[in-house]
Amino acid sequence: DGTGHFYRAEITATSSKHCLYSILE
């Protein structure tokens, strides 16, 4: 996020122009 945090995430859904995710850690 550029403010000091990393997020391990998983892609939950995709389309031609969209990529949804869910944060795991």
PDBML (XML) file of the C-alpha atoms, coordinates in Angstrom:
<?xml version="1.0" encoding="UTF-8" ?>
<PDBx:datablock datablockName="MODEL"
   xmlns:PDBx="http://pdbml.pdb.org/schema/pdbx-v50.xsd"
   xmlns:xsi="http://www.w3.org/2001/XMLSchema-instance"
   xsi:schemaLocation="http://pdbml.pdb.org/schema/pdbx-v50.xsd pdbx-v50.xsd">
   <PDBx:atom_siteCategory>
      <PDBx:atom_site id="1">
         <PDBx:B_iso_or_equiv>0.00</PDBx:B_iso_or_equiv>
         <PDBx:Cartn_x>0.000</PDBx:Cartn_x>
         <PDBx:Cartn_y>0.000</PDBx:Cartn_y>
         <PDBx:Cartn_z>0.000</PDBx:Cartn_z>
         <PDBx:auth_asym_id>A</PDBx:auth_asym_id>
         <PDBx:auth_atom_id>CA</PDBx:auth_atom_id>
         <PDBx:auth_comp_id>ASP</PDBx:auth_comp_id>
         <PDBx:auth_seq_id>1</PDBx:auth_seq_id>
         <PDBx:group_PDB>ATOM</PDBx:group_PDB>
         <PDBx:label_alt_id xsi:nil="true" />
         <PDBx:label_asym_id>A</PDBx:label_asym_id>
         <PDBx:label_atom_id>CA</PDBx:label_atom_id>
         <PDBx:label_comp_id>ASP</PDBx:label_comp_id>
         <PDBx:label_entity_id>1</PDBx:label_entity_id>
         <PDBx:label_seq_id>1</PDBx:label_seq_id>
         <PDBx:occupancy>1.00</PDBx:occupancy>
         <PDBx:pdbx_PDB_model_num>1</PDBx:pdbx_PDB_model_num>
         <PDBx:type_symbol>C</PDBx:type_symbol>
      </PDBx:atom_site>
      <PDBx:atom_site id="2">
         <PDBx:B_iso_or_equiv>0.00</PDBx:B_iso_or_equiv>
         <PDBx:Cartn_x>3.044</PDBx:Cartn_x>
         <PDBx:Cartn_y>2.302</PDBx:Cartn_y>
         <PDBx:Cartn_z>0.058</PDBx:Cartn_z>
         <PDBx:auth_asym_id>A</PDBx:auth_asym_id>
         <PDBx:auth_atom_id>CA</PDBx:auth_atom_id>
         <PDBx:auth_comp_id>GLY</PDBx:auth_comp_id>
         <PDBx:auth_seq_id>2</PDBx:auth_seq_id>
         <PDBx:group_PDB>ATOM</PDBx:group_PDB>
         <PDBx:label_alt_id xsi:nil="true" />
         <PDBx:label_asym_id>A</PDBx:label_asym_id>
         <PDBx:label_atom_id>CA</PDBx:label_atom_id>
         <PDBx:label_comp_id>GLY</PDBx:label_comp_id>
         <PDBx:label_entity_id>1</PDBx:label_entity_id>
         <PDBx:label_seq_id>2</PDBx:label_seq_id>
         <PDBx:occupancy>1.00</PDBx:occupancy>
         <PDBx:pdbx_PDB_model_num>1</PDBx:pdbx_PDB_model_num>
         <PDBx:type_symbol>C</PDBx:type_symbol>
      </PDBx:atom_site>
      <PDBx:atom_site id="3">
         <PDBx:B_iso_or_equiv>0.00</PDBx:B_iso_or_equiv>
         <PDBx:Cartn_x>2.522</PDBx:Cartn_x>
         <PDBx:Cartn_y>3.225</PDBx:Cartn_y>
         <PDBx:Cartn_z>3.709</PDBx:Cartn_z>
         <PDBx:auth_asym_id>A</PDBx:auth_asym_id>
         <PDBx:auth_atom_id>CA</PDBx:auth_atom_id>
         <PDBx:auth_comp_id>THR</PDBx:auth_comp_id>
         <PDBx:auth_seq_id>3</PDBx:auth_seq_id>
         <PDBx:group_PDB>ATOM</PDBx:group_PDB>
         <PDBx:label_alt_id xsi:nil="true" />
         <PDBx:label_asym_id>A</PDBx:label_asym_id>
         <PDBx:label_atom_id>CA</PDBx:label_atom_id>
         <PDBx:label_comp_id>THR</PDBx:label_comp_id>
         <PDBx:label_entity_id>1</PDBx:label_entity_id>
         <PDBx:label_seq_id>3</PDBx:label_seq_id>
         <PDBx:occupancy>1.00</PDBx:occupancy>
         <PDBx:pdbx_PDB_model_num>1</PDBx:pdbx_PDB_model_num>
         <PDBx:type_symbol>C</PDBx:type_symbol>
      </PDBx:atom_site>
      <PDBx:atom_site id="4">
         <PDBx:B_iso_or_equiv>0.00</PDBx:B_iso_or_equiv>
         <PDBx:Cartn_x>4.468</PDBx:Cartn_x>
         <PDBx:Cartn_y>0.387</PDBx:Cartn_y>
         <PDBx:Cartn_z>5.318</PDBx:Cartn_z>
         <PDBx:auth_asym_id>A</PDBx:auth_asym_id>
         <PDBx:auth_atom_id>CA</PDBx:auth_atom_id>
         <PDBx:auth_comp_id>GLY</PDBx:auth_comp_id>
         <PDBx:auth_seq_id>4</PDBx:auth_seq_id>
         <PDBx:group_PDB>ATOM</PDBx:group_PDB>
         <PDBx:label_alt_id xsi:nil="true" />
         <PDBx:label_asym_id>A</PDBx:label_asym_id>
         <PDBx:label_atom_id>CA</PDBx:label_atom_id>
         <PDBx:label_comp_id>GLY</PDBx:label_comp_id>
         <PDBx:label_entity_id>1</PDBx:label_entity_id>
         <PDBx:label_seq_id>4</PDBx:label_seq_id>
         <PDBx:occupancy>1.00</PDBx:occupancy>
         <PDBx:pdbx_PDB_model_num>1</PDBx:pdbx_PDB_model_num>
         <PDBx:type_symbol>C</PDBx:type_symbol>
      </PDBx:atom_site>
      <PDBx:atom_site id="5">
         <PDBx:B_iso_or_equiv>0.00</PDBx:B_iso_or_equiv>
         <PDBx:Cartn_x>2.280</PDBx:Cartn_x>
         <PDBx:Cartn_y>-2.685</PDBx:Cartn_y>
         <PDBx:Cartn_z>4.809</PDBx:Cartn_z>
         <PDBx:auth_asym_id>A</PDBx:auth_asym_id>
         <PDBx:auth_atom_id>CA</PDBx:auth_atom_id>
         <PDBx:auth_comp_id>HIS</PDBx:auth_comp_id>
         <PDBx:auth_seq_id>5</PDBx:auth_seq_id>
         <PDBx:group_PDB>ATOM</PDBx:group_PDB>
         <PDBx:label_alt_id xsi:nil="true" />
         <PDBx:label_asym_id>A</PDBx:label_asym_id>
         <PDBx:label_atom_id>CA</PDBx:label_atom_id>
         <PDBx:label_comp_id>HIS</PDBx:label_comp_id>
         <PDBx:label_entity_id>1</PDBx:label_entity_id>
         <PDBx:label_seq_id>5</PDBx:label_seq_id>
         <PDBx:occupancy>1.00</PDBx:occupancy>
         <PDBx:pdbx_PDB_model_num>1</PDBx:pdbx_PDB_model_num>
         <PDBx:type_symbol>C</PDBx:type_symbol>
      </PDBx:atom_site>
      <PDBx:atom_site id="6">
         <PDBx:B_iso_or_equiv>0.00</PDBx:B_iso_or_equiv>
         <PDBx:Cartn_x>2.393</PDBx:Cartn_x>
         <PDBx:Cartn_y>-5.805</PDBx:Cartn_y>
         <PDBx:Cartn_z>2.647</PDBx:Cartn_z>
         <PDBx:auth_asym_id>A</PDBx:auth_asym_id>
         <PDBx:auth_atom_id>CA</PDBx:auth_atom_id>
         <PDBx:auth_comp_id>PHE</PDBx:auth_comp_id>
         <PDBx:auth_seq_id>6</PDBx:auth_seq_id>
         <PDBx:group_PDB>ATOM</PDBx:group_PDB>
         <PDBx:label_alt_id xsi:nil="true" />
         <PDBx:label_asym_id>A</PDBx:label_asym_id>
         <PDBx:label_atom_id>CA</PDBx:label_atom_id>
         <PDBx:label_comp_id>PHE</PDBx:label_comp_id>
         <PDBx:label_entity_id>1</PDBx:label_entity_id>
         <PDBx:label_seq_id>6</PDBx:label_seq_id>
         <PDBx:occupancy>1.00</PDBx:occupancy>
         <PDBx:pdbx_PDB_model_num>1</PDBx:pdbx_PDB_model_num>
         <PDBx:type_symbol>C</PDBx:type_symbol>
      </PDBx:atom_site>
      <PDBx:atom_site id="7">
         <PDBx:B_iso_or_equiv>0.00</PDBx:B_iso_or_equiv>
         <PDBx:Cartn_x>-0.605</PDBx:Cartn_x>
         <PDBx:Cartn_y>-8.061</PDBx:Cartn_y>
         <PDBx:Cartn_z>2.198</PDBx:Cartn_z>
         <PDBx:auth_asym_id>A</PDBx:auth_asym_id>
         <PDBx:auth_atom_id>CA</PDBx:auth_atom_id>
         <PDBx:auth_comp_id>TYR</PDBx:auth_comp_id>
         <PDBx:auth_seq_id>7</PDBx:auth_seq_id>
         <PDBx:group_PDB>ATOM</PDBx:group_PDB>
         <PDBx:label_alt_id xsi:nil="true" />
         <PDBx:label_asym_id>A</PDBx:label_asym_id>
         <PDBx:label_atom_id>CA</PDBx:label_atom_id>
         <PDBx:label_comp_id>TYR</PDBx:label_comp_id>
         <PDBx:label_entity_id>1</PDBx:label_entity_id>
         <PDBx:label_seq_id>7</PDBx:label_seq_id>
         <PDBx:occupancy>1.00</PDBx:occupancy>
         <PDBx:pdbx_PDB_model_num>1</PDBx:pdbx_PDB_model_num>
         <PDBx:type_symbol>C</PDBx:type_symbol>
      </PDBx:atom_site>
      <PDBx:atom_site id="8">
         <PDBx:B_iso_or_equiv>0.00</PDBx:B_iso_or_equiv>
         <PDBx:Cartn_x>-0.538</PDBx:Cartn_x>
         <PDBx:Cartn_y>-11.697</PDBx:Cartn_y>
         <PDBx:Cartn_z>1.179</PDBx:Cartn_z>
         <PDBx:auth_asym_id>A</PDBx:auth_asym_id>
         <PDBx:auth_atom_id>CA</PDBx:auth_atom_id>
         <PDBx:auth_comp_id>ARG</PDBx:auth_comp_id>
         <PDBx:auth_seq_id>8</PDBx:auth_seq_id>
         <PDBx:group_PDB>ATOM</PDBx:group_PDB>
         <PDBx:label_alt_id xsi:nil="true" />
         <PDBx:label_asym_id>A</PDBx:label_asym_id>
         <PDBx:label_atom_id>CA</PDBx:label_atom_id>
         <PDBx:label_comp_id>ARG</PDBx:label_comp_id>
         <PDBx:label_entity_id>1</PDBx:label_entity_id>
         <PDBx:label_seq_id>8</PDBx:label_seq_id>
         <PDBx:occupancy>1.00</PDBx:occupancy>
         <PDBx:pdbx_PDB_model_num>1</PDBx:pdbx_PDB_model_num>
         <PDBx:type_symbol>C</PDBx:type_symbol>
      </PDBx:atom_site>
      <PDBx:atom_site id="9">
         <PDBx:B_iso_or_equiv>0.00</PDBx:B_iso_or_equiv>
         <PDBx:Cartn_x>-3.677</PDBx:Cartn_x>
         <PDBx:Cartn_y>-12.160</PDBx:Cartn_y>
         <PDBx:Cartn_z>-0.872</PDBx:Cartn_z>
         <PDBx:auth_asym_id>A</PDBx:auth_asym_id>
         <PDBx:auth_atom_id>CA</PDBx:auth_atom_id>
         <PDBx:auth_comp_id>ALA</PDBx:auth_comp_id>
         <PDBx:auth_seq_id>9</PDBx:auth_seq_id>
         <PDBx:group_PDB>ATOM</PDBx:group_PDB>
         <PDBx:label_alt_id xsi:nil="true" />
         <PDBx:label_asym_id>A</PDBx:label_asym_id>
         <PDBx:label_atom_id>CA</PDBx:label_atom_id>
         <PDBx:label_comp_id>ALA</PDBx:label_comp_id>
         <PDBx:label_entity_id>1</PDBx:label_entity_id>
         <PDBx:label_seq_id>9</PDBx:label_seq_id>
         <PDBx:occupancy>1.00</PDBx:occupancy>
         <PDBx:pdbx_PDB_model_num>1</PDBx:pdbx_PDB_model_num>
         <PDBx:type_symbol>C</PDBx:type_symbol>
      </PDBx:atom_site>
      <PDBx:atom_site id="10">
         <PDBx:B_iso_or_equiv>0.00</PDBx:B_iso_or_equiv>
         <PDBx:Cartn_x>-5.495</PDBx:Cartn_x>
         <PDBx:Cartn_y>-14.617</PDBx:Cartn_y>
         <PDBx:Cartn_z>-3.092</PDBx:Cartn_z>
         <PDBx:auth_asym_id>A</PDBx:auth_asym_id>
         <PDBx:auth_atom_id>CA</PDBx:auth_atom_id>
         <PDBx:auth_comp_id>GLU</PDBx:auth_comp_id>
         <PDBx:auth_seq_id>10</PDBx:auth_seq_id>
         <PDBx:group_PDB>ATOM</PDBx:group_PDB>
         <PDBx:label_alt_id xsi:nil="true" />
         <PDBx:label_asym_id>A</PDBx:label_asym_id>
         <PDBx:label_atom_id>CA</PDBx:label_atom_id>
         <PDBx:label_comp_id>GLU</PDBx:label_comp_id>
         <PDBx:label_entity_id>1</PDBx:label_entity_id>
         <PDBx:label_seq_id>10</PDBx:label_seq_id>
         <PDBx:occupancy>1.00</PDBx:occupancy>
         <PDBx:pdbx_PDB_model_num>1</PDBx:pdbx_PDB_model_num>
         <PDBx:type_symbol>C</PDBx:type_symbol>
      </PDBx:atom_site>
      <PDBx:atom_site id="11">
         <PDBx:B_iso_or_equiv>0.00</PDBx:B_iso_or_equiv>
         <PDBx:Cartn_x>-7.336</PDBx:Cartn_x>
         <PDBx:Cartn_y>-13.879</PDBx:Cartn_y>
         <PDBx:Cartn_z>-6.306</PDBx:Cartn_z>
         <PDBx:auth_asym_id>A</PDBx:auth_asym_id>
         <PDBx:auth_atom_id>CA</PDBx:auth_atom_id>
         <PDBx:auth_comp_id>ILE</PDBx:auth_comp_id>
         <PDBx:auth_seq_id>11</PDBx:auth_seq_id>
         <PDBx:group_PDB>ATOM</PDBx:group_PDB>
         <PDBx:label_alt_id xsi:nil="true" />
         <PDBx:label_asym_id>A</PDBx:label_asym_id>
         <PDBx:label_atom_id>CA</PDBx:label_atom_id>
         <PDBx:label_comp_id>ILE</PDBx:label_comp_id>
         <PDBx:label_entity_id>1</PDBx:label_entity_id>
         <PDBx:label_seq_id>11</PDBx:label_seq_id>
         <PDBx:occupancy>1.00</PDBx:occupancy>
         <PDBx:pdbx_PDB_model_num>1</PDBx:pdbx_PDB_model_num>
         <PDBx:type_symbol>C</PDBx:type_symbol>
      </PDBx:atom_site>
      <PDBx:atom_site id="12">
         <PDBx:B_iso_or_equiv>0.00</PDBx:B_iso_or_equiv>
         <PDBx:Cartn_x>-11.021</PDBx:Cartn_x>
         <PDBx:Cartn_y>-14.672</PDBx:Cartn_y>
         <PDBx:Cartn_z>-5.819</PDBx:Cartn_z>
         <PDBx:auth_asym_id>A</PDBx:auth_asym_id>
         <PDBx:auth_atom_id>CA</PDBx:auth_atom_id>
         <PDBx:auth_comp_id>THR</PDBx:auth_comp_id>
         <PDBx:auth_seq_id>12</PDBx:auth_seq_id>
         <PDBx:group_PDB>ATOM</PDBx:group_PDB>
         <PDBx:label_alt_id xsi:nil="true" />
         <PDBx:label_asym_id>A</PDBx:label_asym_id>
         <PDBx:label_atom_id>CA</PDBx:label_atom_id>
         <PDBx:label_comp_id>THR</PDBx:label_comp_id>
         <PDBx:label_entity_id>1</PDBx:label_entity_id>
         <PDBx:label_seq_id>12</PDBx:label_seq_id>
         <PDBx:occupancy>1.00</PDBx:occupancy>
         <PDBx:pdbx_PDB_model_num>1</PDBx:pdbx_PDB_model_num>
         <PDBx:type_symbol>C</PDBx:type_symbol>
      </PDBx:atom_site>
      <PDBx:atom_site id="13">
         <PDBx:B_iso_or_equiv>0.00</PDBx:B_iso_or_equiv>
         <PDBx:Cartn_x>-12.503</PDBx:Cartn_x>
         <PDBx:Cartn_y>-13.746</PDBx:Cartn_y>
         <PDBx:Cartn_z>-9.213</PDBx:Cartn_z>
         <PDBx:auth_asym_id>A</PDBx:auth_asym_id>
         <PDBx:auth_atom_id>CA</PDBx:auth_atom_id>
         <PDBx:auth_comp_id>ALA</PDBx:auth_comp_id>
         <PDBx:auth_seq_id>13</PDBx:auth_seq_id>
         <PDBx:group_PDB>ATOM</PDBx:group_PDB>
         <PDBx:label_alt_id xsi:nil="true" />
         <PDBx:label_asym_id>A</PDBx:label_asym_id>
         <PDBx:label_atom_id>CA</PDBx:label_atom_id>
         <PDBx:label_comp_id>ALA</PDBx:label_comp_id>
         <PDBx:label_entity_id>1</PDBx:label_entity_id>
         <PDBx:label_seq_id>13</PDBx:label_seq_id>
         <PDBx:occupancy>1.00</PDBx:occupancy>
         <PDBx:pdbx_PDB_model_num>1</PDBx:pdbx_PDB_model_num>
         <PDBx:type_symbol>C</PDBx:type_symbol>
      </PDBx:atom_site>
      <PDBx:atom_site id="14">
         <PDBx:B_iso_or_equiv>0.00</PDBx:B_iso_or_equiv>
         <PDBx:Cartn_x>-11.437</PDBx:Cartn_x>
         <PDBx:Cartn_y>-12.335</PDBx:Cartn_y>
         <PDBx:Cartn_z>-12.561</PDBx:Cartn_z>
         <PDBx:auth_asym_id>A</PDBx:auth_asym_id>
         <PDBx:auth_atom_id>CA</PDBx:auth_atom_id>
         <PDBx:auth_comp_id>THR</PDBx:auth_comp_id>
         <PDBx:auth_seq_id>14</PDBx:auth_seq_id>
         <PDBx:group_PDB>ATOM</PDBx:group_PDB>
         <PDBx:label_alt_id xsi:nil="true" />
         <PDBx:label_asym_id>A</PDBx:label_asym_id>
         <PDBx:label_atom_id>CA</PDBx:label_atom_id>
         <PDBx:label_comp_id>THR</PDBx:label_comp_id>
         <PDBx:label_entity_id>1</PDBx:label_entity_id>
         <PDBx:label_seq_id>14</PDBx:label_seq_id>
         <PDBx:occupancy>1.00</PDBx:occupancy>
         <PDBx:pdbx_PDB_model_num>1</PDBx:pdbx_PDB_model_num>
         <PDBx:type_symbol>C</PDBx:type_symbol>
      </PDBx:atom_site>
      <PDBx:atom_site id="15">
         <PDBx:B_iso_or_equiv>0.00</PDBx:B_iso_or_equiv>
         <PDBx:Cartn_x>-12.967</PDBx:Cartn_x>
         <PDBx:Cartn_y>-10.920</PDBx:Cartn_y>
         <PDBx:Cartn_z>-15.717</PDBx:Cartn_z>
         <PDBx:auth_asym_id>A</PDBx:auth_asym_id>
         <PDBx:auth_atom_id>CA</PDBx:auth_atom_id>
         <PDBx:auth_comp_id>SER</PDBx:auth_comp_id>
         <PDBx:auth_seq_id>15</PDBx:auth_seq_id>
         <PDBx:group_PDB>ATOM</PDBx:group_PDB>
         <PDBx:label_alt_id xsi:nil="true" />
         <PDBx:label_asym_id>A</PDBx:label_asym_id>
         <PDBx:label_atom_id>CA</PDBx:label_atom_id>
         <PDBx:label_comp_id>SER</PDBx:label_comp_id>
         <PDBx:label_entity_id>1</PDBx:label_entity_id>
         <PDBx:label_seq_id>15</PDBx:label_seq_id>
         <PDBx:occupancy>1.00</PDBx:occupancy>
         <PDBx:pdbx_PDB_model_num>1</PDBx:pdbx_PDB_model_num>
         <PDBx:type_symbol>C</PDBx:type_symbol>
      </PDBx:atom_site>
      <PDBx:atom_site id="16">
         <PDBx:B_iso_or_equiv>0.00</PDBx:B_iso_or_equiv>
         <PDBx:Cartn_x>-11.515</PDBx:Cartn_x>
         <PDBx:Cartn_y>-9.247</PDBx:Cartn_y>
         <PDBx:Cartn_z>-18.785</PDBx:Cartn_z>
         <PDBx:auth_asym_id>A</PDBx:auth_asym_id>
         <PDBx:auth_atom_id>CA</PDBx:auth_atom_id>
         <PDBx:auth_comp_id>SER</PDBx:auth_comp_id>
         <PDBx:auth_seq_id>16</PDBx:auth_seq_id>
         <PDBx:group_PDB>ATOM</PDBx:group_PDB>
         <PDBx:label_alt_id xsi:nil="true" />
         <PDBx:label_asym_id>A</PDBx:label_asym_id>
         <PDBx:label_atom_id>CA</PDBx:label_atom_id>
         <PDBx:label_comp_id>SER</PDBx:label_comp_id>
         <PDBx:label_entity_id>1</PDBx:label_entity_id>
         <PDBx:label_seq_id>16</PDBx:label_seq_id>
         <PDBx:occupancy>1.00</PDBx:occupancy>
         <PDBx:pdbx_PDB_model_num>1</PDBx:pdbx_PDB_model_num>
         <PDBx:type_symbol>C</PDBx:type_symbol>
      </PDBx:atom_site>
      <PDBx:atom_site id="17">
         <PDBx:B_iso_or_equiv>0.00</PDBx:B_iso_or_equiv>
         <PDBx:Cartn_x>-10.705</PDBx:Cartn_x>
         <PDBx:Cartn_y>-6.045</PDBx:Cartn_y>
         <PDBx:Cartn_z>-16.878</PDBx:Cartn_z>
         <PDBx:auth_asym_id>A</PDBx:auth_asym_id>
         <PDBx:auth_atom_id>CA</PDBx:auth_atom_id>
         <PDBx:auth_comp_id>LYS</PDBx:auth_comp_id>
         <PDBx:auth_seq_id>17</PDBx:auth_seq_id>
         <PDBx:group_PDB>ATOM</PDBx:group_PDB>
         <PDBx:label_alt_id xsi:nil="true" />
         <PDBx:label_asym_id>A</PDBx:label_asym_id>
         <PDBx:label_atom_id>CA</PDBx:label_atom_id>
         <PDBx:label_comp_id>LYS</PDBx:label_comp_id>
         <PDBx:label_entity_id>1</PDBx:label_entity_id>
         <PDBx:label_seq_id>17</PDBx:label_seq_id>
         <PDBx:occupancy>1.00</PDBx:occupancy>
         <PDBx:pdbx_PDB_model_num>1</PDBx:pdbx_PDB_model_num>
         <PDBx:type_symbol>C</PDBx:type_symbol>
      </PDBx:atom_site>
      <PDBx:atom_site id="18">
         <PDBx:B_iso_or_equiv>0.00</PDBx:B_iso_or_equiv>
         <PDBx:Cartn_x>-11.229</PDBx:Cartn_x>
         <PDBx:Cartn_y>-6.844</PDBx:Cartn_y>
         <PDBx:Cartn_z>-13.197</PDBx:Cartn_z>
         <PDBx:auth_asym_id>A</PDBx:auth_asym_id>
         <PDBx:auth_atom_id>CA</PDBx:auth_atom_id>
         <PDBx:auth_comp_id>HIS</PDBx:auth_comp_id>
         <PDBx:auth_seq_id>18</PDBx:auth_seq_id>
         <PDBx:group_PDB>ATOM</PDBx:group_PDB>
         <PDBx:label_alt_id xsi:nil="true" />
         <PDBx:label_asym_id>A</PDBx:label_asym_id>
         <PDBx:label_atom_id>CA</PDBx:label_atom_id>
         <PDBx:label_comp_id>HIS</PDBx:label_comp_id>
         <PDBx:label_entity_id>1</PDBx:label_entity_id>
         <PDBx:label_seq_id>18</PDBx:label_seq_id>
         <PDBx:occupancy>1.00</PDBx:occupancy>
         <PDBx:pdbx_PDB_model_num>1</PDBx:pdbx_PDB_model_num>
         <PDBx:type_symbol>C</PDBx:type_symbol>
      </PDBx:atom_site>
      <PDBx:atom_site id="19">
         <PDBx:B_iso_or_equiv>0.00</PDBx:B_iso_or_equiv>
         <PDBx:Cartn_x>-9.253</PDBx:Cartn_x>
         <PDBx:Cartn_y>-8.788</PDBx:Cartn_y>
         <PDBx:Cartn_z>-10.634</PDBx:Cartn_z>
         <PDBx:auth_asym_id>A</PDBx:auth_asym_id>
         <PDBx:auth_atom_id>CA</PDBx:auth_atom_id>
         <PDBx:auth_comp_id>CYS</PDBx:auth_comp_id>
         <PDBx:auth_seq_id>19</PDBx:auth_seq_id>
         <PDBx:group_PDB>ATOM</PDBx:group_PDB>
         <PDBx:label_alt_id xsi:nil="true" />
         <PDBx:label_asym_id>A</PDBx:label_asym_id>
         <PDBx:label_atom_id>CA</PDBx:label_atom_id>
         <PDBx:label_comp_id>CYS</PDBx:label_comp_id>
         <PDBx:label_entity_id>1</PDBx:label_entity_id>
         <PDBx:label_seq_id>19</PDBx:label_seq_id>
         <PDBx:occupancy>1.00</PDBx:occupancy>
         <PDBx:pdbx_PDB_model_num>1</PDBx:pdbx_PDB_model_num>
         <PDBx:type_symbol>C</PDBx:type_symbol>
      </PDBx:atom_site>
      <PDBx:atom_site id="20">
         <PDBx:B_iso_or_equiv>0.00</PDBx:B_iso_or_equiv>
         <PDBx:Cartn_x>-10.787</PDBx:Cartn_x>
         <PDBx:Cartn_y>-9.332</PDBx:Cartn_y>
         <PDBx:Cartn_z>-7.184</PDBx:Cartn_z>
         <PDBx:auth_asym_id>A</PDBx:auth_asym_id>
         <PDBx:auth_atom_id>CA</PDBx:auth_atom_id>
         <PDBx:auth_comp_id>LEU</PDBx:auth_comp_id>
         <PDBx:auth_seq_id>20</PDBx:auth_seq_id>
         <PDBx:group_PDB>ATOM</PDBx:group_PDB>
         <PDBx:label_alt_id xsi:nil="true" />
         <PDBx:label_asym_id>A</PDBx:label_asym_id>
         <PDBx:label_atom_id>CA</PDBx:label_atom_id>
         <PDBx:label_comp_id>LEU</PDBx:label_comp_id>
         <PDBx:label_entity_id>1</PDBx:label_entity_id>
         <PDBx:label_seq_id>20</PDBx:label_seq_id>
         <PDBx:occupancy>1.00</PDBx:occupancy>
         <PDBx:pdbx_PDB_model_num>1</PDBx:pdbx_PDB_model_num>
         <PDBx:type_symbol>C</PDBx:type_symbol>
      </PDBx:atom_site>
      <PDBx:atom_site id="21">
         <PDBx:B_iso_or_equiv>0.00</PDBx:B_iso_or_equiv>
         <PDBx:Cartn_x>-8.774</PDBx:Cartn_x>
         <PDBx:Cartn_y>-10.466</PDBx:Cartn_y>
         <PDBx:Cartn_z>-4.184</PDBx:Cartn_z>
         <PDBx:auth_asym_id>A</PDBx:auth_asym_id>
         <PDBx:auth_atom_id>CA</PDBx:auth_atom_id>
         <PDBx:auth_comp_id>TYR</PDBx:auth_comp_id>
         <PDBx:auth_seq_id>21</PDBx:auth_seq_id>
         <PDBx:group_PDB>ATOM</PDBx:group_PDB>
         <PDBx:label_alt_id xsi:nil="true" />
         <PDBx:label_asym_id>A</PDBx:label_asym_id>
         <PDBx:label_atom_id>CA</PDBx:label_atom_id>
         <PDBx:label_comp_id>TYR</PDBx:label_comp_id>
         <PDBx:label_entity_id>1</PDBx:label_entity_id>
         <PDBx:label_seq_id>21</PDBx:label_seq_id>
         <PDBx:occupancy>1.00</PDBx:occupancy>
         <PDBx:pdbx_PDB_model_num>1</PDBx:pdbx_PDB_model_num>
         <PDBx:type_symbol>C</PDBx:type_symbol>
      </PDBx:atom_site>
      <PDBx:atom_site id="22">
         <PDBx:B_iso_or_equiv>0.00</PDBx:B_iso_or_equiv>
         <PDBx:Cartn_x>-9.086</PDBx:Cartn_x>
         <PDBx:Cartn_y>-11.509</PDBx:Cartn_y>
         <PDBx:Cartn_z>-0.577</PDBx:Cartn_z>
         <PDBx:auth_asym_id>A</PDBx:auth_asym_id>
         <PDBx:auth_atom_id>CA</PDBx:auth_atom_id>
         <PDBx:auth_comp_id>SER</PDBx:auth_comp_id>
         <PDBx:auth_seq_id>22</PDBx:auth_seq_id>
         <PDBx:group_PDB>ATOM</PDBx:group_PDB>
         <PDBx:label_alt_id xsi:nil="true" />
         <PDBx:label_asym_id>A</PDBx:label_asym_id>
         <PDBx:label_atom_id>CA</PDBx:label_atom_id>
         <PDBx:label_comp_id>SER</PDBx:label_comp_id>
         <PDBx:label_entity_id>1</PDBx:label_entity_id>
         <PDBx:label_seq_id>22</PDBx:label_seq_id>
         <PDBx:occupancy>1.00</PDBx:occupancy>
         <PDBx:pdbx_PDB_model_num>1</PDBx:pdbx_PDB_model_num>
         <PDBx:type_symbol>C</PDBx:type_symbol>
      </PDBx:atom_site>
      <PDBx:atom_site id="23">
         <PDBx:B_iso_or_equiv>0.00</PDBx:B_iso_or_equiv>
         <PDBx:Cartn_x>-6.413</PDBx:Cartn_x>
         <PDBx:Cartn_y>-10.665</PDBx:Cartn_y>
         <PDBx:Cartn_z>2.005</PDBx:Cartn_z>
         <PDBx:auth_asym_id>A</PDBx:auth_asym_id>
         <PDBx:auth_atom_id>CA</PDBx:auth_atom_id>
         <PDBx:auth_comp_id>ILE</PDBx:auth_comp_id>
         <PDBx:auth_seq_id>23</PDBx:auth_seq_id>
         <PDBx:group_PDB>ATOM</PDBx:group_PDB>
         <PDBx:label_alt_id xsi:nil="true" />
         <PDBx:label_asym_id>A</PDBx:label_asym_id>
         <PDBx:label_atom_id>CA</PDBx:label_atom_id>
         <PDBx:label_comp_id>ILE</PDBx:label_comp_id>
         <PDBx:label_entity_id>1</PDBx:label_entity_id>
         <PDBx:label_seq_id>23</PDBx:label_seq_id>
         <PDBx:occupancy>1.00</PDBx:occupancy>
         <PDBx:pdbx_PDB_model_num>1</PDBx:pdbx_PDB_model_num>
         <PDBx:type_symbol>C</PDBx:type_symbol>
      </PDBx:atom_site>
      <PDBx:atom_site id="24">
         <PDBx:B_iso_or_equiv>0.00</PDBx:B_iso_or_equiv>
         <PDBx:Cartn_x>-4.947</PDBx:Cartn_x>
         <PDBx:Cartn_y>-13.679</PDBx:Cartn_y>
         <PDBx:Cartn_z>3.795</PDBx:Cartn_z>
         <PDBx:auth_asym_id>A</PDBx:auth_asym_id>
         <PDBx:auth_atom_id>CA</PDBx:auth_atom_id>
         <PDBx:auth_comp_id>LEU</PDBx:auth_comp_id>
         <PDBx:auth_seq_id>24</PDBx:auth_seq_id>
         <PDBx:group_PDB>ATOM</PDBx:group_PDB>
         <PDBx:label_alt_id xsi:nil="true" />
         <PDBx:label_asym_id>A</PDBx:label_asym_id>
         <PDBx:label_atom_id>CA</PDBx:label_atom_id>
         <PDBx:label_comp_id>LEU</PDBx:label_comp_id>
         <PDBx:label_entity_id>1</PDBx:label_entity_id>
         <PDBx:label_seq_id>24</PDBx:label_seq_id>
         <PDBx:occupancy>1.00</PDBx:occupancy>
         <PDBx:pdbx_PDB_model_num>1</PDBx:pdbx_PDB_model_num>
         <PDBx:type_symbol>C</PDBx:type_symbol>
      </PDBx:atom_site>
      <PDBx:atom_site id="25">
         <PDBx:B_iso_or_equiv>0.00</PDBx:B_iso_or_equiv>
         <PDBx:Cartn_x>-2.251</PDBx:Cartn_x>
         <PDBx:Cartn_y>-12.027</PDBx:Cartn_y>
         <PDBx:Cartn_z>5.893</PDBx:Cartn_z>
         <PDBx:auth_asym_id>A</PDBx:auth_asym_id>
         <PDBx:auth_atom_id>CA</PDBx:auth_atom_id>
         <PDBx:auth_comp_id>GLU</PDBx:auth_comp_id>
         <PDBx:auth_seq_id>25</PDBx:auth_seq_id>
         <PDBx:group_PDB>ATOM</PDBx:group_PDB>
         <PDBx:label_alt_id xsi:nil="true" />
         <PDBx:label_asym_id>A</PDBx:label_asym_id>
         <PDBx:label_atom_id>CA</PDBx:label_atom_id>
         <PDBx:label_comp_id>GLU</PDBx:label_comp_id>
         <PDBx:label_entity_id>1</PDBx:label_entity_id>
         <PDBx:label_seq_id>25</PDBx:label_seq_id>
         <PDBx:occupancy>1.00</PDBx:occupancy>
         <PDBx:pdbx_PDB_model_num>1</PDBx:pdbx_PDB_model_num>
         <PDBx:type_symbol>C</PDBx:type_symbol>
      </PDBx:atom_site>
   </PDBx:atom_siteCategory>
</PDBx:datablock>
